[in-house]
Protein backbone atom coordinates (compact mmCIF):
# COMPACT_ATOMS: atom_id res chain seq x y z
CA MET A 1 -9.13 21.03 -45.52
CA ASN A 2 -9.14 24.69 -46.72
CA ASN A 3 -7.56 26.99 -44.30
CA ARG A 4 -6.83 30.00 -46.60
CA ILE A 5 -7.29 33.22 -44.95
CA ASN A 6 -10.41 35.05 -45.83
CA THR A 7 -9.29 38.73 -45.94
CA GLN A 8 -12.80 39.92 -46.20
CA ASP A 9 -13.22 38.80 -42.77
CA TYR A 10 -10.35 41.10 -41.92
CA PRO A 11 -10.36 43.82 -44.32
CA SER A 12 -7.52 45.85 -42.82
CA ALA A 13 -4.98 42.89 -43.35
CA ASN A 14 -1.71 43.99 -44.63
CA ARG A 15 1.18 41.43 -44.88
CA GLU A 16 3.66 44.30 -45.06
CA TYR A 17 3.33 44.39 -41.34
CA LYS A 18 3.54 40.78 -40.42
CA ASP A 19 5.89 41.28 -37.46
CA ARG A 20 4.09 44.29 -35.89
CA LEU A 21 2.66 41.93 -33.31
CA PHE A 22 6.17 41.80 -31.72
CA ARG A 23 6.40 45.60 -31.68
CA LEU A 24 2.72 45.73 -30.27
CA VAL A 25 3.74 43.51 -27.35
CA PHE A 26 6.58 46.01 -26.64
CA GLN A 27 4.98 49.28 -27.37
CA LYS A 28 5.10 50.42 -23.78
CA LYS A 29 8.42 51.86 -22.79
CA GLU A 30 8.56 50.02 -19.54
CA ASP A 31 8.14 46.68 -21.38
CA LEU A 32 10.88 47.73 -23.99
CA LEU A 33 13.18 48.84 -21.16
CA SER A 34 12.73 45.45 -19.33
CA LEU A 35 13.71 43.77 -22.64
CA TYR A 36 16.59 46.04 -22.95
CA ASN A 37 17.84 45.34 -19.47
CA ALA A 38 17.50 41.41 -19.85
CA VAL A 39 19.39 41.56 -23.28
CA ASN A 40 22.31 43.83 -22.09
CA GLY A 41 22.26 42.77 -18.32
CA THR A 42 21.69 46.44 -17.18
CA SER A 43 19.29 47.69 -14.65
CA TYR A 44 18.05 50.99 -15.93
CA SER A 45 14.70 51.84 -14.14
CA ASP A 46 13.58 54.98 -16.02
CA PRO A 47 11.64 54.18 -19.18
CA GLU A 48 12.11 57.84 -20.33
CA GLU A 49 15.91 56.83 -20.71
CA LEU A 50 14.85 55.20 -23.87
CA GLU A 51 14.72 57.05 -27.21
CA VAL A 52 12.53 55.00 -29.50
CA ASN A 53 12.24 55.28 -33.22
CA THR A 54 11.54 53.05 -36.19
CA LEU A 55 13.21 52.64 -39.42
CA ASP A 56 11.88 50.49 -42.26
CA ASN A 57 9.60 48.49 -39.74
CA VAL A 58 12.71 47.85 -37.39
CA LEU A 59 12.87 49.01 -33.88
CA TYR A 60 15.65 51.63 -33.13
CA LEU A 61 16.58 52.26 -29.43
CA ALA A 62 19.10 54.67 -27.83
CA MET A 63 19.90 55.28 -24.34
CA LYS A 64 19.69 59.04 -23.54
CA ASN A 65 20.40 61.00 -20.20
CA ASP A 66 18.04 63.41 -18.58
CA LEU A 67 19.04 66.33 -21.15
CA SER A 68 18.07 64.08 -23.96
CA PHE A 69 21.14 63.85 -25.76
CA LEU A 70 23.27 60.60 -26.48
CA ILE A 71 26.05 59.91 -24.18
CA GLY A 72 28.10 56.97 -23.89
CA ALA A 73 25.09 55.51 -25.73
CA THR A 74 24.19 52.33 -27.37
CA LEU A 75 22.46 52.56 -30.71
CA ASN A 76 20.35 49.55 -30.88
CA LEU A 77 18.54 47.82 -33.76
CA TYR A 78 15.94 45.27 -32.76
CA GLU A 79 14.46 42.99 -35.60
CA HIS A 80 11.95 40.21 -35.29
CA GLN A 81 12.35 37.24 -37.61
CA ARG A 82 10.11 34.11 -38.14
CA THR A 83 12.38 32.77 -40.61
CA PHE A 84 16.30 32.11 -40.43
CA ASN A 85 18.12 34.76 -42.52
CA PRO A 86 21.88 34.57 -42.74
CA ASN A 87 21.87 37.92 -44.52
CA MET A 88 20.78 40.03 -41.46
CA PRO A 89 24.39 41.67 -41.09
CA ILE A 90 24.17 43.38 -44.54
CA ARG A 91 20.75 44.62 -43.32
CA GLY A 92 22.32 45.93 -40.18
CA VAL A 93 25.00 47.80 -42.29
CA MET A 94 22.31 49.32 -44.42
CA TYR A 95 20.08 50.33 -41.41
CA PHE A 96 23.14 51.47 -39.26
CA SER A 97 24.28 53.71 -42.23
CA LYS A 98 21.07 55.59 -42.24
CA LEU A 99 20.94 55.81 -38.42
CA TYR A 100 24.39 57.33 -38.47
CA GLU A 101 23.59 59.80 -41.14
CA LYS A 102 20.82 60.99 -39.27
CA HIS A 103 22.75 61.12 -35.87
CA ILE A 104 25.52 63.14 -37.54
CA SER A 105 23.19 65.29 -39.22
CA SER A 106 20.99 66.18 -36.17
CA HIS A 107 24.14 66.89 -33.84
CA GLU A 108 25.91 68.80 -36.59
CA ILE A 109 28.96 66.56 -36.38
CA ASN A 110 31.76 67.45 -38.73
CA ILE A 111 33.18 64.37 -39.91
CA TYR A 112 35.78 66.14 -42.09
CA SER A 113 37.50 67.43 -38.71
CA SER A 114 41.02 66.34 -37.98
CA ALA A 115 39.66 65.39 -34.34
CA PRO A 116 38.01 62.12 -33.87
CA LYS A 117 34.31 62.16 -33.24
CA PRO A 118 32.65 59.72 -30.85
CA LEU A 119 29.80 57.90 -32.16
CA PRO A 120 27.06 55.84 -30.43
CA PHE A 121 27.96 52.09 -29.82
CA PRO A 122 26.05 49.88 -32.26
CA GLN A 123 24.19 46.60 -31.40
CA HIS A 124 22.12 44.54 -33.82
CA ILE A 125 19.85 42.16 -32.16
CA VAL A 126 17.51 39.77 -34.05
CA PHE A 127 14.84 37.99 -32.00
CA TYR A 128 14.04 34.81 -33.87
CA ASN A 129 10.90 32.49 -33.37
CA GLY A 130 10.62 30.64 -36.60
CA THR A 131 9.93 26.73 -36.75
CA ARG A 132 13.40 25.90 -37.73
CA GLU A 133 15.51 24.70 -34.80
CA GLU A 134 18.24 27.12 -33.93
CA PRO A 135 20.41 27.60 -30.89
CA ASP A 136 19.58 29.95 -28.16
CA ARG A 137 22.32 32.35 -29.36
CA LEU A 138 24.05 32.73 -32.76
CA THR A 139 26.48 35.29 -34.06
CA LEU A 140 26.10 36.26 -37.81
CA GLN A 141 29.09 38.03 -39.47
CA LEU A 142 28.96 40.25 -42.47
CA SER A 143 32.43 38.99 -43.37
CA ASP A 144 31.04 35.50 -43.95
CA LEU A 145 29.10 36.69 -46.75
CA PHE A 146 31.89 38.31 -48.77
CA GLU A 147 33.44 36.31 -51.51
CA GLN A 148 37.22 35.81 -50.61
CA PRO A 149 39.49 36.96 -53.63
CA ARG A 150 42.70 35.75 -51.68
CA GLU A 151 43.29 33.98 -48.35
CA ASP A 152 45.22 36.84 -47.03
CA CYS A 153 42.65 39.50 -47.76
CA ARG A 154 40.68 41.06 -44.96
CA PRO A 155 37.34 42.88 -45.44
CA CYS A 156 37.21 46.60 -44.62
CA LEU A 157 33.64 46.24 -43.23
CA GLU A 158 32.17 44.01 -40.57
CA CYS A 159 28.87 43.82 -38.76
CA LEU A 160 28.01 41.36 -35.93
CA THR A 161 24.36 40.35 -35.66
CA THR A 162 23.29 38.83 -32.47
CA MET A 163 20.47 36.19 -33.20
CA LEU A 164 18.40 35.09 -29.96
CA ASN A 165 15.96 32.30 -30.26
CA ILE A 166 12.80 33.49 -28.47
CA ASN A 167 10.86 30.31 -29.00
CA TYR A 168 9.29 28.88 -25.79
CA GLY A 169 11.81 26.66 -24.12
CA HIS A 170 14.85 28.64 -25.39
CA ASN A 171 16.95 31.30 -23.46
CA ARG A 172 15.23 30.49 -20.32
CA ALA A 173 17.47 32.87 -18.22
CA LEU A 174 16.67 35.85 -20.57
CA MET A 175 12.97 34.97 -20.33
CA GLU A 176 12.92 34.97 -16.53
CA LYS A 177 14.38 38.55 -16.72
CA CYS A 178 11.75 39.88 -19.01
CA LEU A 179 8.35 38.48 -18.22
CA ARG A 180 6.88 40.21 -21.30
CA LEU A 181 9.25 38.11 -23.56
CA LYS A 182 8.28 35.09 -21.82
CA GLU A 183 4.61 35.68 -22.26
CA TYR A 184 5.04 36.34 -26.03
CA ALA A 185 7.07 33.21 -26.35
CA ILE A 186 4.31 31.14 -24.72
CA PHE A 187 1.67 32.98 -26.84
CA VAL A 188 3.20 31.94 -30.11
CA ASP A 189 3.69 28.48 -28.81
CA THR A 190 0.05 28.31 -27.78
CA VAL A 191 -1.04 29.56 -31.26
CA ARG A 192 1.18 27.07 -32.99
CA LYS A 193 -0.29 24.14 -31.13
CA TYR A 194 -3.91 25.22 -31.96
CA LEU A 195 -2.88 25.63 -35.47
CA SER A 196 -1.53 21.97 -35.62
CA SER A 197 -4.84 20.69 -34.21
CA ASP A 198 -6.46 20.57 -37.70
CA ILE A 199 -9.13 23.05 -36.81
CA SER A 200 -9.85 25.85 -39.13
CA LEU A 201 -7.51 28.67 -39.01
CA ASN A 202 -9.81 31.39 -37.76
CA ILE A 203 -11.16 29.16 -35.15
CA SER A 204 -7.89 27.91 -34.03
CA VAL A 205 -6.47 31.44 -33.69
CA SER A 206 -9.64 32.57 -31.71
CA LEU A 207 -9.39 29.62 -29.26
CA ALA A 208 -5.64 30.27 -28.70
CA VAL A 209 -6.33 33.93 -27.92
CA ASP A 210 -9.21 33.01 -25.53
CA ALA A 211 -6.83 30.26 -23.90
CA CYS A 212 -4.01 32.81 -23.15
CA ILE A 213 -6.29 35.28 -21.88
CA LYS A 214 -7.71 32.68 -19.45
CA SER A 215 -4.20 32.02 -18.28
CA GLY A 216 -3.21 35.54 -17.93
CA ILE A 217 -0.76 35.61 -20.84
CA LEU A 218 -0.69 38.86 -22.41
CA LYS A 219 -3.94 39.44 -20.96
CA ASP A 220 -3.81 43.36 -21.22
CA ILE A 221 -3.06 43.31 -24.99
CA LEU A 222 -5.40 40.30 -25.94
CA THR A 223 -8.15 41.73 -24.07
CA GLN A 224 -8.02 45.21 -25.18
CA GLN A 225 -6.94 44.65 -28.77
CA LYS A 226 -8.34 41.04 -29.29
CA ALA A 227 -9.57 41.71 -33.04
CA GLU A 228 -6.40 43.40 -33.80
CA VAL A 229 -4.07 40.85 -32.55
CA ILE A 230 -6.21 38.01 -34.35
CA ARG A 231 -5.80 39.91 -37.56
CA MET A 232 -2.13 40.18 -37.07
CA ILE A 233 -1.89 36.43 -36.25
CA LEU A 234 -3.76 35.60 -39.63
CA GLU A 235 -1.29 37.67 -41.50
CA THR A 236 1.75 36.22 -39.64
CA PHE A 237 0.83 32.64 -39.73
CA ASP A 238 0.18 31.79 -43.36
CA GLN A 239 -1.16 28.47 -43.02
CA GLU A 240 0.27 27.05 -46.13
CA LYS A 241 3.69 28.01 -45.21
CA TYR A 242 3.02 26.86 -41.61
CA GLU A 243 2.10 23.42 -42.78
CA LYS A 244 4.93 23.05 -45.09
CA ALA A 245 7.47 23.96 -42.28
CA MET A 246 5.61 21.42 -40.08
CA ARG A 247 6.02 18.72 -42.64
CA GLN A 248 9.77 19.49 -43.07
CA GLU A 249 10.19 19.00 -39.54
CA GLY A 250 8.83 15.61 -39.54
CA TYR A 251 5.30 16.17 -38.44
CA GLU A 252 3.80 15.18 -41.68
CA ASP A 253 2.34 11.89 -40.53
CA GLY A 254 0.64 13.53 -37.43
CA TYR A 255 -0.78 16.25 -39.44
CA ASN A 256 -2.16 14.03 -42.28
CA ALA A 257 -3.56 11.37 -39.59
CA GLY A 258 -6.93 13.26 -39.53
CA LYS A 259 -7.23 13.65 -43.29
CA ILE A 260 -7.18 9.85 -44.16
CA GLU A 261 -10.60 8.92 -45.65
CA GLY A 262 -9.85 5.40 -46.91
CA SER A 263 -10.78 2.33 -45.28
CA THR A 264 -12.58 1.84 -41.99
CA LYS A 265 -9.40 1.20 -40.01
CA GLU A 266 -7.70 4.08 -41.49
CA ARG A 267 -10.64 6.35 -40.71
CA ASP A 268 -10.69 5.02 -37.14
CA GLU A 269 -7.14 5.95 -36.69
CA GLY A 270 -7.60 9.32 -38.01
CA ILE A 271 -10.49 10.15 -35.83
CA SER A 272 -8.57 8.46 -32.88
CA ARG A 273 -5.73 11.02 -33.55
CA LEU A 274 -7.77 13.84 -33.94
CA VAL A 275 -9.78 13.25 -30.88
CA SER A 276 -6.76 12.95 -28.81
CA THR A 277 -5.04 15.97 -30.19
CA LEU A 278 -8.39 18.19 -29.51
CA ARG A 279 -8.59 16.74 -26.03
CA GLU A 280 -5.09 17.73 -25.24
CA LEU A 281 -6.05 21.33 -26.24
CA GLU A 282 -9.12 21.19 -24.05
CA ILE A 283 -11.37 22.06 -27.18
CA PRO A 284 -15.04 21.91 -26.31
CA ARG A 285 -16.98 18.82 -26.91
CA GLY A 286 -19.40 20.55 -29.39
CA THR A 287 -16.38 21.93 -31.55
CA VAL A 288 -14.72 18.26 -31.53
CA LEU A 289 -17.97 16.81 -32.78
CA ASP A 290 -18.52 19.45 -35.43
CA LYS A 291 -14.84 18.87 -36.59
CA ILE A 292 -15.54 15.06 -36.79
CA CYS A 293 -18.75 15.56 -38.77
CA GLU A 294 -17.22 18.12 -41.24
CA LYS A 295 -13.98 16.05 -41.85
CA TYR A 296 -15.43 12.70 -42.23
CA ASP A 297 -19.02 13.32 -43.37
CA LEU A 298 -20.64 11.57 -40.47
CA PRO A 299 -24.05 12.21 -38.79
CA ARG A 300 -23.70 13.72 -35.39
CA ALA A 301 -24.87 10.54 -33.68
CA ASP A 302 -22.14 8.67 -35.34
CA ALA A 303 -19.61 11.29 -34.45
CA GLU A 304 -20.83 11.05 -30.77
CA LEU A 305 -20.31 7.44 -30.72
CA TYR A 306 -16.77 7.77 -32.08
CA LEU A 307 -15.95 10.44 -29.58
CA ASP A 308 -17.17 8.50 -26.56
CA ARG A 309 -15.35 5.42 -27.90
CA PHE A 310 -12.09 7.02 -28.26
CA ARG A 311 -12.15 8.89 -24.91
CA GLN A 312 -12.90 5.82 -23.15
CA GLU A 313 -9.96 3.88 -24.80
CA ARG A 314 -7.85 6.70 -23.82
């Protein structure tokens, strides 16, 4: 099976923006405000209270009042990660230093003054949805990354990064407070299920998007920007890396079942599992037959016999 991405089919593919799908889902201020309220336990209702910017592909938010200046503000950095990264706190320090420099300059704050100057309260949130199993909530500390010269030494710098697991089934209370986040989690979960079905990458992604549209999941975005979303998924879900992650998590046997081309018994078992998987995903009969013919080099008539046989057995 060759599921390598054909970039000629999607000429504008750019891996540098592999996490932009998350930002696309929350591009509207009302959706972003809903996410902010869910994370912080607040109940802001005016989307214009959010001042939004980006810094090195990281979402930067700050609350503002009607006069558009920061007051009692929270300076937020929202990042999306598909792989667990214990170094996020140092990234947070680097980002925040730039943001505070910008804030100090734009507000003409004299940091050399003898009077204390209030600054926005920093919050660093990482939304994680990789395949590695992680808790619902995890706090990463910059101080854990420092080498300790002596036991009694305390670092002069600290940064706390809150990592929230947004895979479907995690952080249920958070998901119920933010429907957009819940739909995003369901969408990613659906794409992964189709990717694991042993259908070609392009077809599985297209089927996953259609299934979500039919179920009303992110329907507005998936309908209006279907081609762009598919391109983003193809950039994000590198098939070889995904398959490696699946094998590491114990799914190697199930994944390889449909690839066995040895004895008749082994072939039967492989086709049986393939049919079962595709049936659970509600793949059309014609597509299932095409897949059996392609993978096992069978005439369509033989593929139909296998399909009818295994559907009856199950």
